[in-house]
Amino acid sequence: MLGSSFRREKKSAFTAARTSTAEKVCVPKELYSDFFRLGLRPGAPLTACKSAQRDLLKVHHPDRHAETYLSWKSATEIASSINASFQRISYWYKTGILD
């Protein structure tokens, strides 16, 4: 009983984005698929996007799937799409312009 009230759970990027107290951001429809690729709702804070990108790359990094050429190639494509989505979101948050 005593330990349970002081225990802290690590929040995932999705939970952190859902419970964020930041103001709502009007996200362009072109970025919706990028947010969804990271597993987040459109308008999630940039820190949540970075955290989600890192978590996804830990799973889909090509070095972790080097058993066969096909699995490596598939992981490379997934990792590059994750990175591209994060880059578009990051650029938009920093400049306000879609690339």
N, C-alpha and C. Protein backbone atom coordinates (compact mmCIF):
# COMPACT_ATOMS: atom_id res chain seq x y z
N MET A 1 0.83 -1.19 0.00
CA MET A 1 0.00 0.00 0.00
C MET A 1 0.87 1.24 0.00
N LEU A 2 1.89 1.25 0.84
CA LEU A 2 2.72 2.43 0.93
C LEU A 2 3.48 2.68 -0.37
N GLY A 3 4.04 1.63 -0.97
CA GLY A 3 4.82 1.78 -2.19
C GLY A 3 3.97 2.12 -3.39
N SER A 4 2.71 1.69 -3.42
CA SER A 4 1.89 1.90 -4.60
C SER A 4 1.52 3.37 -4.80
N SER A 5 1.42 4.14 -3.74
CA SER A 5 1.04 5.54 -3.90
C SER A 5 2.21 6.39 -4.39
N PHE A 6 3.43 5.90 -4.23
CA PHE A 6 4.60 6.66 -4.65
C PHE A 6 5.19 6.15 -5.96
N ARG A 7 4.63 5.11 -6.49
CA ARG A 7 5.14 4.53 -7.71
C ARG A 7 4.76 5.41 -8.90
N ARG A 8 5.72 5.67 -9.74
CA ARG A 8 5.46 6.46 -10.94
C ARG A 8 5.61 5.57 -12.15
N GLU A 9 4.70 5.73 -13.07
CA GLU A 9 4.77 4.96 -14.30
C GLU A 9 5.32 5.84 -15.40
N LYS A 10 6.13 5.23 -16.27
CA LYS A 10 6.65 5.96 -17.41
C LYS A 10 5.53 6.14 -18.42
N LYS A 11 5.34 7.37 -18.86
CA LYS A 11 4.28 7.64 -19.83
C LYS A 11 4.80 7.40 -21.23
N SER A 12 3.98 6.80 -22.04
CA SER A 12 4.33 6.63 -23.44
C SER A 12 4.11 7.96 -24.15
N ALA A 13 4.60 8.05 -25.37
CA ALA A 13 4.44 9.28 -26.14
C ALA A 13 2.96 9.57 -26.39
N PHE A 14 2.18 8.52 -26.63
CA PHE A 14 0.76 8.72 -26.88
C PHE A 14 0.06 9.26 -25.65
N THR A 15 0.36 8.70 -24.46
CA THR A 15 -0.26 9.17 -23.22
C THR A 15 0.16 10.60 -22.93
N ALA A 16 1.44 10.89 -23.15
CA ALA A 16 1.91 12.25 -22.89
C ALA A 16 1.22 13.24 -23.83
N ALA A 17 1.00 12.84 -25.07
CA ALA A 17 0.33 13.73 -26.01
C ALA A 17 -1.13 13.93 -25.65
N ARG A 18 -1.78 12.88 -25.17
CA ARG A 18 -3.19 12.98 -24.79
C ARG A 18 -3.39 13.85 -23.58
N THR A 19 -2.46 13.79 -22.62
CA THR A 19 -2.65 14.52 -21.37
C THR A 19 -1.91 15.85 -21.35
N SER A 20 -1.40 16.27 -22.50
CA SER A 20 -0.65 17.52 -22.57
C SER A 20 -1.56 18.70 -22.28
N THR A 21 -1.03 19.67 -21.57
CA THR A 21 -1.80 20.87 -21.26
C THR A 21 -1.48 21.99 -22.23
N ALA A 22 -0.69 21.69 -23.26
CA ALA A 22 -0.34 22.71 -24.25
C ALA A 22 -1.59 23.12 -25.02
N GLU A 23 -1.54 24.32 -25.55
CA GLU A 23 -2.69 24.81 -26.31
C GLU A 23 -2.86 24.02 -27.60
N LYS A 24 -4.06 23.99 -28.09
CA LYS A 24 -4.37 23.24 -29.31
C LYS A 24 -3.72 23.93 -30.50
N VAL A 25 -3.20 23.11 -31.40
CA VAL A 25 -2.52 23.61 -32.59
C VAL A 25 -3.34 23.20 -33.80
N CYS A 26 -3.53 24.12 -34.73
CA CYS A 26 -4.25 23.83 -35.96
C CYS A 26 -3.27 23.19 -36.94
N VAL A 27 -3.40 21.90 -37.13
CA VAL A 27 -2.47 21.14 -37.96
C VAL A 27 -3.01 21.04 -39.38
N PRO A 28 -2.17 21.28 -40.38
CA PRO A 28 -2.61 21.10 -41.77
C PRO A 28 -2.94 19.64 -42.05
N LYS A 29 -3.92 19.42 -42.88
CA LYS A 29 -4.36 18.06 -43.20
C LYS A 29 -3.25 17.23 -43.83
N GLU A 30 -2.29 17.88 -44.49
CA GLU A 30 -1.19 17.16 -45.13
C GLU A 30 -0.31 16.43 -44.12
N LEU A 31 -0.32 16.89 -42.86
CA LEU A 31 0.53 16.27 -41.84
C LEU A 31 -0.19 15.20 -41.03
N TYR A 32 -1.48 15.00 -41.24
CA TYR A 32 -2.22 14.01 -40.47
C TYR A 32 -1.60 12.63 -40.60
N SER A 33 -1.27 12.22 -41.82
CA SER A 33 -0.71 10.88 -42.02
C SER A 33 0.65 10.75 -41.33
N ASP A 34 1.40 11.84 -41.25
CA ASP A 34 2.69 11.80 -40.56
C ASP A 34 2.51 11.59 -39.06
N PHE A 35 1.54 12.29 -38.47
CA PHE A 35 1.27 12.08 -37.05
C PHE A 35 0.78 10.66 -36.80
N PHE A 36 -0.09 10.15 -37.67
CA PHE A 36 -0.61 8.80 -37.50
C PHE A 36 0.50 7.77 -37.67
N ARG A 37 1.46 8.01 -38.57
CA ARG A 37 2.57 7.09 -38.76
C ARG A 37 3.40 6.98 -37.49
N LEU A 38 3.47 8.08 -36.72
CA LEU A 38 4.19 8.05 -35.45
C LEU A 38 3.31 7.53 -34.31
N GLY A 39 2.05 7.27 -34.61
CA GLY A 39 1.14 6.76 -33.58
C GLY A 39 0.59 7.83 -32.67
N LEU A 40 0.51 9.06 -33.17
CA LEU A 40 0.06 10.18 -32.36
C LEU A 40 -1.14 10.86 -33.00
N ARG A 41 -1.85 11.61 -32.19
CA ARG A 41 -2.94 12.43 -32.71
C ARG A 41 -2.37 13.70 -33.32
N PRO A 42 -2.99 14.22 -34.36
CA PRO A 42 -2.50 15.47 -34.94
C PRO A 42 -2.50 16.59 -33.90
N GLY A 43 -1.40 17.32 -33.85
CA GLY A 43 -1.26 18.41 -32.89
C GLY A 43 -0.49 18.02 -31.65
N ALA A 44 0.02 16.79 -31.60
CA ALA A 44 0.83 16.37 -30.45
C ALA A 44 2.07 17.24 -30.37
N PRO A 45 2.57 17.50 -29.17
CA PRO A 45 3.76 18.35 -29.04
C PRO A 45 4.98 17.72 -29.72
N LEU A 46 5.93 18.56 -30.06
CA LEU A 46 7.13 18.09 -30.75
C LEU A 46 7.92 17.11 -29.89
N THR A 47 7.92 17.30 -28.58
CA THR A 47 8.64 16.38 -27.70
C THR A 47 8.02 14.99 -27.74
N ALA A 48 6.70 14.93 -27.83
CA ALA A 48 6.02 13.63 -27.94
C ALA A 48 6.33 12.99 -29.28
N CYS A 49 6.45 13.79 -30.33
CA CYS A 49 6.79 13.26 -31.65
C CYS A 49 8.20 12.68 -31.64
N LYS A 50 9.12 13.36 -31.01
CA LYS A 50 10.50 12.86 -30.93
C LYS A 50 10.56 11.56 -30.14
N SER A 51 9.83 11.51 -29.06
CA SER A 51 9.80 10.30 -28.24
C SER A 51 9.19 9.13 -29.01
N ALA A 52 8.12 9.40 -29.74
CA ALA A 52 7.49 8.36 -30.54
C ALA A 52 8.42 7.88 -31.65
N GLN A 53 9.15 8.80 -32.27
CA GLN A 53 10.10 8.42 -33.31
C GLN A 53 11.18 7.51 -32.75
N ARG A 54 11.72 7.85 -31.61
CA ARG A 54 12.76 7.02 -30.99
C ARG A 54 12.23 5.63 -30.64
N ASP A 55 11.02 5.59 -30.07
CA ASP A 55 10.43 4.30 -29.70
C ASP A 55 10.20 3.42 -30.93
N LEU A 56 9.71 4.02 -32.01
CA LEU A 56 9.47 3.24 -33.23
C LEU A 56 10.77 2.78 -33.88
N LEU A 57 11.80 3.62 -33.84
CA LEU A 57 13.07 3.23 -34.43
C LEU A 57 13.77 2.13 -33.63
N LYS A 58 13.50 2.07 -32.34
CA LYS A 58 14.05 0.97 -31.56
C LYS A 58 13.50 -0.37 -32.03
N VAL A 59 12.28 -0.37 -32.50
CA VAL A 59 11.65 -1.60 -32.98
C VAL A 59 11.99 -1.88 -34.44
N HIS A 60 11.98 -0.84 -35.28
CA HIS A 60 12.09 -1.02 -36.73
C HIS A 60 13.45 -0.66 -37.31
N HIS A 61 14.47 -0.53 -36.50
CA HIS A 61 15.77 -0.17 -37.03
C HIS A 61 16.32 -1.31 -37.88
N PRO A 62 16.90 -1.02 -39.04
CA PRO A 62 17.38 -2.06 -39.95
C PRO A 62 18.45 -2.98 -39.34
N ASP A 63 19.26 -2.47 -38.42
CA ASP A 63 20.27 -3.31 -37.79
C ASP A 63 19.66 -4.44 -36.96
N ARG A 64 18.45 -4.24 -36.49
CA ARG A 64 17.78 -5.28 -35.70
C ARG A 64 17.15 -6.35 -36.59
N HIS A 65 17.06 -6.09 -37.89
CA HIS A 65 16.41 -7.01 -38.82
C HIS A 65 17.37 -7.39 -39.95
N ALA A 66 18.57 -7.76 -39.60
CA ALA A 66 19.59 -8.06 -40.61
C ALA A 66 19.69 -9.55 -40.93
N GLU A 67 18.70 -10.36 -40.52
CA GLU A 67 18.76 -11.79 -40.76
C GLU A 67 18.72 -12.10 -42.25
N THR A 68 17.77 -11.51 -42.95
CA THR A 68 17.64 -11.73 -44.39
C THR A 68 17.59 -10.37 -45.08
N TYR A 69 17.86 -10.41 -46.36
CA TYR A 69 17.86 -9.17 -47.13
C TYR A 69 16.46 -8.55 -47.17
N LEU A 70 15.44 -9.39 -47.31
CA LEU A 70 14.07 -8.85 -47.40
C LEU A 70 13.62 -8.18 -46.10
N SER A 71 13.94 -8.78 -44.96
CA SER A 71 13.55 -8.16 -43.70
C SER A 71 14.33 -6.88 -43.45
N TRP A 72 15.62 -6.88 -43.87
CA TRP A 72 16.42 -5.67 -43.73
C TRP A 72 15.88 -4.55 -44.62
N LYS A 73 15.53 -4.90 -45.85
CA LYS A 73 15.01 -3.90 -46.78
C LYS A 73 13.68 -3.34 -46.30
N SER A 74 12.81 -4.20 -45.80
CA SER A 74 11.52 -3.76 -45.27
C SER A 74 11.71 -2.82 -44.08
N ALA A 75 12.61 -3.19 -43.16
CA ALA A 75 12.88 -2.35 -41.99
C ALA A 75 13.49 -1.01 -42.41
N THR A 76 14.31 -1.02 -43.45
CA THR A 76 14.90 0.22 -43.95
C THR A 76 13.82 1.16 -44.48
N GLU A 77 12.87 0.61 -45.22
CA GLU A 77 11.78 1.43 -45.76
C GLU A 77 10.91 2.00 -44.64
N ILE A 78 10.62 1.17 -43.65
CA ILE A 78 9.80 1.63 -42.53
C ILE A 78 10.53 2.71 -41.74
N ALA A 79 11.81 2.49 -41.46
CA ALA A 79 12.59 3.47 -40.70
C ALA A 79 12.71 4.79 -41.46
N SER A 80 12.89 4.71 -42.76
CA SER A 80 13.00 5.96 -43.52
C SER A 80 11.67 6.71 -43.57
N SER A 81 10.54 5.99 -43.60
CA SER A 81 9.25 6.68 -43.57
C SER A 81 8.99 7.31 -42.20
N ILE A 82 9.43 6.65 -41.14
CA ILE A 82 9.30 7.22 -39.79
C ILE A 82 10.13 8.50 -39.69
N ASN A 83 11.37 8.43 -40.16
CA ASN A 83 12.25 9.61 -40.11
C ASN A 83 11.72 10.74 -40.98
N ALA A 84 11.21 10.43 -42.15
CA ALA A 84 10.66 11.46 -43.04
C ALA A 84 9.45 12.14 -42.41
N SER A 85 8.59 11.35 -41.78
CA SER A 85 7.41 11.92 -41.11
C SER A 85 7.83 12.85 -39.99
N PHE A 86 8.79 12.41 -39.18
CA PHE A 86 9.25 13.26 -38.09
C PHE A 86 9.89 14.54 -38.63
N GLN A 87 10.66 14.43 -39.71
CA GLN A 87 11.31 15.61 -40.28
C GLN A 87 10.28 16.62 -40.77
N ARG A 88 9.21 16.14 -41.43
CA ARG A 88 8.16 17.06 -41.90
C ARG A 88 7.46 17.75 -40.74
N ILE A 89 7.14 16.97 -39.70
CA ILE A 89 6.48 17.55 -38.52
C ILE A 89 7.40 18.55 -37.83
N SER A 90 8.65 18.19 -37.65
CA SER A 90 9.61 19.06 -36.99
C SER A 90 9.80 20.35 -37.77
N TYR A 91 9.93 20.26 -39.08
CA TYR A 91 10.10 21.45 -39.92
C TYR A 91 8.88 22.35 -39.82
N TRP A 92 7.69 21.75 -39.81
CA TRP A 92 6.47 22.54 -39.71
C TRP A 92 6.38 23.24 -38.35
N TYR A 93 6.73 22.53 -37.26
CA TYR A 93 6.67 23.16 -35.95
C TYR A 93 7.67 24.31 -35.84
N LYS A 94 8.84 24.15 -36.46
CA LYS A 94 9.88 25.17 -36.33
C LYS A 94 9.65 26.38 -37.23
N THR A 95 9.09 26.15 -38.44
CA THR A 95 8.95 27.25 -39.38
C THR A 95 7.51 27.64 -39.66
N GLY A 96 6.58 26.73 -39.46
CA GLY A 96 5.18 27.00 -39.81
C GLY A 96 4.88 26.81 -41.27
N ILE A 97 5.86 26.25 -42.01
CA ILE A 97 5.72 26.06 -43.45
C ILE A 97 5.80 24.58 -43.77
N LEU A 98 4.93 24.13 -44.68
CA LEU A 98 5.02 22.76 -45.16
C LEU A 98 6.10 22.69 -46.22
N ASP A 99 6.85 21.60 -46.22
CA ASP A 99 7.91 21.48 -47.24
C ASP A 99 7.40 20.96 -48.54
